[in-house]
PDB file of all heavy atoms in Angstrom:
ATOM      1  N   LEU A   1      18.497 -11.477   7.514  1.00  0.00           N
ATOM      2  CA  LEU A   1      18.257 -12.914   7.489  1.00  0.00           C
ATOM      3  C   LEU A   1      16.839 -13.188   6.998  1.00  0.00           C
ATOM      4  O   LEU A   1      15.892 -12.489   7.393  1.00  0.00           O
ATOM      5  CB  LEU A   1      18.456 -13.515   8.885  1.00  0.00           C
ATOM      6  CG  LEU A   1      19.857 -13.382   9.499  1.00  0.00           C
ATOM      7  CD1 LEU A   1      19.870 -13.932  10.916  1.00  0.00           C
ATOM      8  CD2 LEU A   1      20.884 -14.114   8.643  1.00  0.00           C
ATOM      9  N   PRO A   2      16.641 -14.210   6.156  1.00  0.00           N
ATOM     10  CA  PRO A   2      15.309 -14.460   5.587  1.00  0.00           C
ATOM     11  C   PRO A   2      14.272 -14.905   6.617  1.00  0.00           C
ATOM     12  O   PRO A   2      13.066 -14.802   6.369  1.00  0.00           O
ATOM     13  CB  PRO A   2      15.574 -15.561   4.551  1.00  0.00           C
ATOM     14  CG  PRO A   2      16.836 -16.230   5.008  1.00  0.00           C
ATOM     15  CD  PRO A   2      17.663 -15.146   5.633  1.00  0.00           C
ATOM     16  N   ASN A   3      14.728 -15.384   7.783  1.00  0.00           N
ATOM     17  CA  ASN A   3      13.797 -15.883   8.799  1.00  0.00           C
ATOM     18  C   ASN A   3      13.423 -14.835   9.853  1.00  0.00           C
ATOM     19  O   ASN A   3      12.718 -15.140  10.810  1.00  0.00           O
ATOM     20  CB  ASN A   3      14.397 -17.096   9.508  1.00  0.00           C
ATOM     21  CG  ASN A   3      15.650 -16.747  10.305  1.00  0.00           C
ATOM     22  OD1 ASN A   3      16.487 -15.974   9.848  1.00  0.00           O
ATOM     23  ND2 ASN A   3      15.777 -17.292  11.501  1.00  0.00           N
ATOM     24  N   VAL A   4      13.902 -13.609   9.688  1.00  0.00           N
ATOM     25  CA  VAL A   4      13.663 -12.553  10.680  1.00  0.00           C
ATOM     26  C   VAL A   4      12.701 -11.527  10.096  1.00  0.00           C
ATOM     27  O   VAL A   4      12.918 -11.014   8.986  1.00  0.00           O
ATOM     28  CB  VAL A   4      14.991 -11.883  11.107  1.00  0.00           C
ATOM     29  CG1 VAL A   4      14.716 -10.726  12.058  1.00  0.00           C
ATOM     30  CG2 VAL A   4      15.904 -12.918  11.762  1.00  0.00           C
ATOM     31  N   HIS A   5      11.651 -11.213  10.857  1.00  0.00           N
ATOM     32  CA  HIS A   5      10.588 -10.337  10.374  1.00  0.00           C
ATOM     33  C   HIS A   5      10.362  -9.195  11.370  1.00  0.00           C
ATOM     34  O   HIS A   5      10.162  -9.445  12.563  1.00  0.00           O
ATOM     35  CB  HIS A   5       9.281 -11.117  10.208  1.00  0.00           C
ATOM     36  CG  HIS A   5       9.467 -12.450   9.545  1.00  0.00           C
ATOM     37  ND1 HIS A   5       9.724 -12.585   8.198  1.00  0.00           N
ATOM     38  CD2 HIS A   5       9.462 -13.718  10.061  1.00  0.00           C
ATOM     39  CE1 HIS A   5       9.842 -13.863   7.899  1.00  0.00           C
ATOM     40  NE2 HIS A   5       9.699 -14.582   9.005  1.00  0.00           N
ATOM     41  N   LEU A   6      10.387  -7.970  10.896  1.00  0.00           N
ATOM     42  CA  LEU A   6      10.112  -6.804  11.731  1.00  0.00           C
ATOM     43  C   LEU A   6       8.628  -6.488  11.664  1.00  0.00           C
ATOM     44  O   LEU A   6       8.072  -6.277  10.587  1.00  0.00           O
ATOM     45  CB  LEU A   6      10.926  -5.593  11.265  1.00  0.00           C
ATOM     46  CG  LEU A   6      10.693  -4.299  12.053  1.00  0.00           C
ATOM     47  CD1 LEU A   6      11.175  -4.456  13.494  1.00  0.00           C
ATOM     48  CD2 LEU A   6      11.401  -3.128  11.376  1.00  0.00           C
ATOM     49  N   MET A   7       7.983  -6.440  12.839  1.00  0.00           N
ATOM     50  CA  MET A   7       6.567  -6.136  12.926  1.00  0.00           C
ATOM     51  C   MET A   7       6.423  -4.722  13.483  1.00  0.00           C
ATOM     52  O   MET A   7       6.773  -4.457  14.636  1.00  0.00           O
ATOM     53  CB  MET A   7       5.849  -7.142  13.840  1.00  0.00           C
ATOM     54  CG  MET A   7       6.260  -8.599  13.613  1.00  0.00           C
ATOM     55  SD  MET A   7       6.035  -9.155  11.911  1.00  0.00           S
ATOM     56  CE  MET A   7       4.259  -9.295  11.848  1.00  0.00           C
ATOM     57  N   ASP A   8       5.932  -3.815  12.652  1.00  0.00           N
ATOM     58  CA  ASP A   8       5.806  -2.408  13.020  1.00  0.00           C
ATOM     59  C   ASP A   8       4.522  -2.213  13.825  1.00  0.00           C
ATOM     60  O   ASP A   8       3.418  -2.185  13.279  1.00  0.00           O
ATOM     61  CB  ASP A   8       5.777  -1.545  11.761  1.00  0.00           C
ATOM     62  CG  ASP A   8       5.768  -0.057  12.069  1.00  0.00           C
ATOM     63  OD1 ASP A   8       5.457   0.311  13.216  1.00  0.00           O
ATOM     64  OD2 ASP A   8       6.059   0.741  11.152  1.00  0.00           O
ATOM     65  N   CYS A   9       4.675  -2.059  15.144  1.00  0.00           N
ATOM     66  CA  CYS A   9       3.501  -1.983  16.020  1.00  0.00           C
ATOM     67  C   CYS A   9       2.937  -0.573  16.153  1.00  0.00           C
ATOM     68  O   CYS A   9       1.971  -0.367  16.907  1.00  0.00           O
ATOM     69  CB  CYS A   9       3.843  -2.551  17.395  1.00  0.00           C
ATOM     70  SG  CYS A   9       4.237  -4.310  17.338  1.00  0.00           S
ATOM     71  N   ILE A  10       3.510   0.382  15.456  1.00  0.00           N
ATOM     72  CA  ILE A  10       2.865   1.688  15.305  1.00  0.00           C
ATOM     73  C   ILE A  10       1.879   1.602  14.141  1.00  0.00           C
ATOM     74  O   ILE A  10       0.718   2.012  14.245  1.00  0.00           O
ATOM     75  CB  ILE A  10       3.904   2.792  15.035  1.00  0.00           C
ATOM     76  CG1 ILE A  10       4.815   2.961  16.255  1.00  0.00           C
ATOM     77  CG2 ILE A  10       3.206   4.112  14.710  1.00  0.00           C
ATOM     78  CD1 ILE A  10       4.133   3.435  17.514  1.00  0.00           C
ATOM     79  N   GLU A  11       2.339   1.024  13.072  1.00  0.00           N
ATOM     80  CA  GLU A  11       1.497   0.867  11.888  1.00  0.00           C
ATOM     81  C   GLU A  11       0.448  -0.227  12.084  1.00  0.00           C
ATOM     82  O   GLU A  11      -0.688  -0.125  11.598  1.00  0.00           O
ATOM     83  CB  GLU A  11       2.399   0.519  10.704  1.00  0.00           C
ATOM     84  CG  GLU A  11       1.707   0.346   9.381  1.00  0.00           C
ATOM     85  CD  GLU A  11       2.712  -0.013   8.290  1.00  0.00           C
ATOM     86  OE1 GLU A  11       3.388   0.906   7.794  1.00  0.00           O
ATOM     87  OE2 GLU A  11       2.843  -1.214   7.975  1.00  0.00           O
ATOM     88  N   ASP A  12       0.830  -1.284  12.796  1.00  0.00           N
ATOM     89  CA  ASP A  12      -0.036  -2.456  12.989  1.00  0.00           C
ATOM     90  C   ASP A  12       0.028  -2.855  14.465  1.00  0.00           C
ATOM     91  O   ASP A  12       0.759  -3.764  14.850  1.00  0.00           O
ATOM     92  CB  ASP A  12       0.476  -3.593  12.088  1.00  0.00           C
ATOM     93  CG  ASP A  12      -0.507  -4.754  11.985  1.00  0.00           C
ATOM     94  OD1 ASP A  12      -1.635  -4.622  12.490  1.00  0.00           O
ATOM     95  OD2 ASP A  12      -0.127  -5.780  11.399  1.00  0.00           O
ATOM     96  N   PRO A  13      -0.740  -2.189  15.324  1.00  0.00           N
ATOM     97  CA  PRO A  13      -0.581  -2.349  16.775  1.00  0.00           C
ATOM     98  C   PRO A  13      -0.957  -3.744  17.294  1.00  0.00           C
ATOM     99  O   PRO A  13      -1.798  -4.432  16.714  1.00  0.00           O
ATOM    100  CB  PRO A  13      -1.540  -1.296  17.344  1.00  0.00           C
ATOM    101  CG  PRO A  13      -1.863  -0.382  16.219  1.00  0.00           C
ATOM    102  CD  PRO A  13      -1.744  -1.185  14.978  1.00  0.00           C
ATOM    103  N   ILE A  14      -0.301  -4.109  18.395  1.00  0.00           N
ATOM    104  CA  ILE A  14      -0.686  -5.334  19.111  1.00  0.00           C
ATOM    105  C   ILE A  14      -2.053  -5.116  19.754  1.00  0.00           C
ATOM    106  O   ILE A  14      -2.259  -4.138  20.480  1.00  0.00           O
ATOM    107  CB  ILE A  14       0.356  -5.698  20.180  1.00  0.00           C
ATOM    108  CG1 ILE A  14       1.694  -6.082  19.528  1.00  0.00           C
ATOM    109  CG2 ILE A  14      -0.148  -6.834  21.068  1.00  0.00           C
ATOM    110  CD1 ILE A  14       2.806  -6.381  20.522  1.00  0.00           C
ATOM    111  N   GLN A  15      -2.962  -6.040  19.516  1.00  0.00           N
ATOM    112  CA  GLN A  15      -4.284  -5.989  20.121  1.00  0.00           C
ATOM    113  C   GLN A  15      -4.338  -6.807  21.409  1.00  0.00           C
ATOM    114  O   GLN A  15      -4.931  -6.391  22.398  1.00  0.00           O
ATOM    115  CB  GLN A  15      -5.331  -6.521  19.130  1.00  0.00           C
ATOM    116  CG  GLN A  15      -5.348  -5.791  17.791  1.00  0.00           C
ATOM    117  CD  GLN A  15      -5.740  -4.337  17.929  1.00  0.00           C
ATOM    118  OE1 GLN A  15      -6.839  -4.016  18.385  1.00  0.00           O
ATOM    119  NE2 GLN A  15      -4.848  -3.444  17.529  1.00  0.00           N
ATOM    120  N   GLU A  16      -3.713  -7.977  21.358  1.00  0.00           N
ATOM    121  CA  GLU A  16      -3.729  -8.849  22.539  1.00  0.00           C
ATOM    122  C   GLU A  16      -2.791 -10.027  22.320  1.00  0.00           C
ATOM    123  O   GLU A  16      -2.372 -10.322  21.197  1.00  0.00           O
ATOM    124  CB  GLU A  16      -5.143  -9.378  22.810  1.00  0.00           C
ATOM    125  CG  GLU A  16      -5.702 -10.257  21.696  1.00  0.00           C
ATOM    126  CD  GLU A  16      -7.073 -10.821  22.034  1.00  0.00           C
ATOM    127  OE1 GLU A  16      -7.369 -10.993  23.220  1.00  0.00           O
ATOM    128  OE2 GLU A  16      -7.843 -11.096  21.088  1.00  0.00           O
ATOM    129  N   ILE A  17      -2.473 -10.676  23.440  1.00  0.00           N
ATOM    130  CA  ILE A  17      -1.789 -11.960  23.407  1.00  0.00           C
ATOM    131  C   ILE A  17      -2.867 -13.037  23.407  1.00  0.00           C
ATOM    132  O   ILE A  17      -3.805 -12.984  24.202  1.00  0.00           O
ATOM    133  CB  ILE A  17      -0.858 -12.148  24.620  1.00  0.00           C
ATOM    134  CG1 ILE A  17       0.141 -10.982  24.726  1.00  0.00           C
ATOM    135  CG2 ILE A  17      -0.128 -13.478  24.530  1.00  0.00           C
ATOM    136  CD1 ILE A  17       1.122 -10.876  23.609  1.00  0.00           C
ATOM    137  N   THR A  18      -2.747 -14.005  22.524  1.00  0.00           N
ATOM    138  CA  THR A  18      -3.721 -15.078  22.436  1.00  0.00           C
ATOM    139  C   THR A  18      -3.094 -16.384  22.926  1.00  0.00           C
ATOM    140  O   THR A  18      -1.911 -16.429  23.287  1.00  0.00           O
ATOM    141  CB  THR A  18      -4.203 -15.263  20.989  1.00  0.00           C
ATOM    142  OG1 THR A  18      -3.103 -15.757  20.197  1.00  0.00           O
ATOM    143  CG2 THR A  18      -4.692 -13.940  20.407  1.00  0.00           C
ATOM    144  N   GLU A  19      -3.863 -17.440  22.920  1.00  0.00           N
ATOM    145  CA  GLU A  19      -3.333 -18.743  23.305  1.00  0.00           C
ATOM    146  C   GLU A  19      -2.241 -19.199  22.344  1.00  0.00           C
ATOM    147  O   GLU A  19      -1.313 -19.911  22.740  1.00  0.00           O
ATOM    148  CB  GLU A  19      -4.461 -19.778  23.327  1.00  0.00           C
ATOM    149  CG  GLU A  19      -5.484 -19.551  24.426  1.00  0.00           C
ATOM    150  CD  GLU A  19      -6.558 -20.624  24.431  1.00  0.00           C
ATOM    151  OE1 GLU A  19      -6.541 -21.493  23.516  1.00  0.00           O
ATOM    152  OE2 GLU A  19      -7.401 -20.620  25.350  1.00  0.00           O
ATOM    153  N   LYS A  20      -2.335 -18.746  21.095  1.00  0.00           N
ATOM    154  CA  LYS A  20      -1.415 -19.222  20.068  1.00  0.00           C
ATOM    155  C   LYS A  20      -0.309 -18.243  19.706  1.00  0.00           C
ATOM    156  O   LYS A  20       0.641 -18.618  19.014  1.00  0.00           O
ATOM    157  CB  LYS A  20      -2.203 -19.567  18.798  1.00  0.00           C
ATOM    158  CG  LYS A  20      -3.181 -20.715  18.965  1.00  0.00           C
ATOM    159  CD  LYS A  20      -3.895 -21.004  17.651  1.00  0.00           C
ATOM    160  CE  LYS A  20      -4.860 -22.178  17.789  1.00  0.00           C
ATOM    161  NZ  LYS A  20      -5.561 -22.462  16.498  1.00  0.00           N
ATOM    162  N   GLY A  21      -0.427 -16.971  20.143  1.00  0.00           N
ATOM    163  CA  GLY A  21       0.596 -16.004  19.760  1.00  0.00           C
ATOM    164  C   GLY A  21       0.192 -14.579  20.034  1.00  0.00           C
ATOM    165  O   GLY A  21      -0.350 -14.263  21.098  1.00  0.00           O
ATOM    166  N   VAL A  22       0.422 -13.701  19.042  1.00  0.00           N
ATOM    167  CA  VAL A  22       0.159 -12.267  19.184  1.00  0.00           C
ATOM    168  C   VAL A  22      -0.828 -11.850  18.103  1.00  0.00           C
ATOM    169  O   VAL A  22      -0.600 -12.105  16.913  1.00  0.00           O
ATOM    170  CB  VAL A  22       1.467 -11.453  19.050  1.00  0.00           C
ATOM    171  CG1 VAL A  22       1.165  -9.956  19.090  1.00  0.00           C
ATOM    172  CG2 VAL A  22       2.453 -11.829  20.148  1.00  0.00           C
ATOM    173  N   ARG A  23      -1.916 -11.218  18.536  1.00  0.00           N
ATOM    174  CA  ARG A  23      -2.881 -10.707  17.573  1.00  0.00           C
ATOM    175  C   ARG A  23      -2.600  -9.227  17.313  1.00  0.00           C
ATOM    176  O   ARG A  23      -2.617  -8.405  18.231  1.00  0.00           O
ATOM    177  CB  ARG A  23      -4.315 -10.867  18.068  1.00  0.00           C
ATOM    178  CG  ARG A  23      -5.366 -10.501  16.995  1.00  0.00           C
ATOM    179  CD  ARG A  23      -6.796 -10.610  17.519  1.00  0.00           C
ATOM    180  NE  ARG A  23      -7.071 -11.909  18.092  1.00  0.00           N
ATOM    181  CZ  ARG A  23      -7.333 -13.004  17.394  1.00  0.00           C
ATOM    182  NH1 ARG A  23      -7.328 -12.943  16.052  1.00  0.00           N
ATOM    183  NH2 ARG A  23      -7.573 -14.157  17.992  1.00  0.00           N
ATOM    184  N   LEU A  24      -2.288  -8.910  16.063  1.00  0.00           N
ATOM    185  CA  LEU A  24      -2.123  -7.534  15.615  1.00  0.00           C
ATOM    186  C   LEU A  24      -3.436  -7.051  15.017  1.00  0.00           C
ATOM    187  O   LEU A  24      -4.380  -7.832  14.821  1.00  0.00           O
ATOM    188  CB  LEU A  24      -1.010  -7.460  14.574  1.00  0.00           C
ATOM    189  CG  LEU A  24       0.377  -7.956  15.004  1.00  0.00           C
ATOM    190  CD1 LEU A  24       1.304  -8.013  13.804  1.00  0.00           C
ATOM    191  CD2 LEU A  24       0.949  -7.076  16.088  1.00  0.00           C
ATOM    192  N   ALA A  25      -3.504  -5.778  14.693  1.00  0.00           N
ATOM    193  CA  ALA A  25      -4.704  -5.250  14.042  1.00  0.00           C
ATOM    194  C   ALA A  25      -4.963  -5.978  12.727  1.00  0.00           C
ATOM    195  O   ALA A  25      -6.115  -6.172  12.320  1.00  0.00           O
ATOM    196  CB  ALA A  25      -4.546  -3.750  13.807  1.00  0.00           C
ATOM    197  N   SER A  26      -3.894  -6.426  12.066  1.00  0.00           N
ATOM    198  CA  SER A  26      -4.016  -7.085  10.759  1.00  0.00           C
ATOM    199  C   SER A  26      -4.263  -8.582  10.857  1.00  0.00           C
ATOM    200  O   SER A  26      -4.545  -9.226   9.847  1.00  0.00           O
ATOM    201  CB  SER A  26      -2.739  -6.844   9.946  1.00  0.00           C
ATOM    202  OG  SER A  26      -1.628  -7.436  10.605  1.00  0.00           O
ATOM    203  N   GLY A  27      -4.128  -9.153  12.059  1.00  0.00           N
ATOM    204  CA  GLY A  27      -4.335 -10.585  12.205  1.00  0.00           C
ATOM    205  C   GLY A  27      -3.406 -11.204  13.221  1.00  0.00           C
ATOM    206  O   GLY A  27      -2.577 -10.524  13.834  1.00  0.00           O
ATOM    207  N   GLU A  28      -3.508 -12.509  13.387  1.00  0.00           N
ATOM    208  CA  GLU A  28      -2.762 -13.224  14.420  1.00  0.00           C
ATOM    209  C   GLU A  28      -1.441 -13.774  13.882  1.00  0.00           C
ATOM    210  O   GLU A  28      -1.377 -14.294  12.766  1.00  0.00           O
ATOM    211  CB  GLU A  28      -3.605 -14.381  14.969  1.00  0.00           C
ATOM    212  CG  GLU A  28      -2.975 -15.091  16.157  1.00  0.00           C
ATOM    213  CD  GLU A  28      -3.898 -16.148  16.742  1.00  0.00           C
ATOM    214  OE1 GLU A  28      -4.665 -16.769  15.976  1.00  0.00           O
ATOM    215  OE2 GLU A  28      -3.854 -16.361  17.970  1.00  0.00           O
ATOM    216  N   VAL A  29      -0.390 -13.629  14.685  1.00  0.00           N
ATOM    217  CA  VAL A  29       0.910 -14.231  14.396  1.00  0.00           C
ATOM    218  C   VAL A  29       1.088 -15.395  15.365  1.00  0.00           C
ATOM    219  O   VAL A  29       1.238 -15.199  16.575  1.00  0.00           O
ATOM    220  CB  VAL A  29       2.065 -13.215  14.563  1.00  0.00           C
ATOM    221  CG1 VAL A  29       3.404 -13.883  14.259  1.00  0.00           C
ATOM    222  CG2 VAL A  29       1.853 -11.998  13.678  1.00  0.00           C
ATOM    223  N   GLU A  30       1.049 -16.616  14.844  1.00  0.00           N
ATOM    224  CA  GLU A  30       1.185 -17.789  15.695  1.00  0.00           C
ATOM    225  C   GLU A  30       2.659 -17.999  16.066  1.00  0.00           C
ATOM    226  O   GLU A  30       3.547 -17.877  15.223  1.00  0.00           O
ATOM    227  CB  GLU A  30       0.626 -19.024  15.004  1.00  0.00           C
ATOM    228  CG  GLU A  30      -0.884 -18.962  14.798  1.00  0.00           C
ATOM    229  CD  GLU A  30      -1.460 -20.288  14.325  1.00  0.00           C
ATOM    230  OE1 GLU A  30      -0.692 -21.271  14.206  1.00  0.00           O
ATOM    231  OE2 GLU A  30      -2.689 -20.335  14.081  1.00  0.00           O
ATOM    232  N   LEU A  31       2.874 -18.303  17.353  1.00  0.00           N
ATOM    233  CA  LEU A  31       4.232 -18.421  17.875  1.00  0.00           C
ATOM    234  C   LEU A  31       4.366 -19.625  18.788  1.00  0.00           C
ATOM    235  O   LEU A  31       3.395 -20.053  19.424  1.00  0.00           O
ATOM    236  CB  LEU A  31       4.609 -17.157  18.661  1.00  0.00           C
ATOM    237  CG  LEU A  31       4.597 -15.827  17.890  1.00  0.00           C
ATOM    238  CD1 LEU A  31       4.673 -14.652  18.856  1.00  0.00           C
ATOM    239  CD2 LEU A  31       5.743 -15.779  16.883  1.00  0.00           C
ATOM    240  N   ASP A  32       5.586 -20.145  18.857  1.00  0.00           N
ATOM    241  CA  ASP A  32       5.907 -21.194  19.824  1.00  0.00           C
ATOM    242  C   ASP A  32       6.458 -20.598  21.120  1.00  0.00           C
ATOM    243  O   ASP A  32       6.374 -21.232  22.175  1.00  0.00           O
ATOM    244  CB  ASP A  32       6.958 -22.150  19.245  1.00  0.00           C
ATOM    245  CG  ASP A  32       6.491 -22.806  17.959  1.00  0.00           C
ATOM    246  OD1 ASP A  32       5.403 -23.403  17.950  1.00  0.00           O
ATOM    247  OD2 ASP A  32       7.223 -22.692  16.937  1.00  0.00           O
TER     248      ASP A  32
END
């Protein structure tokens, strides 16, 4: 599906949960 995205957390680990979403090593993913 075009709206579904796989985030590889071995390659790009989660650093923290932020007020707006999830911060990976590569940057923040804003979420509702």
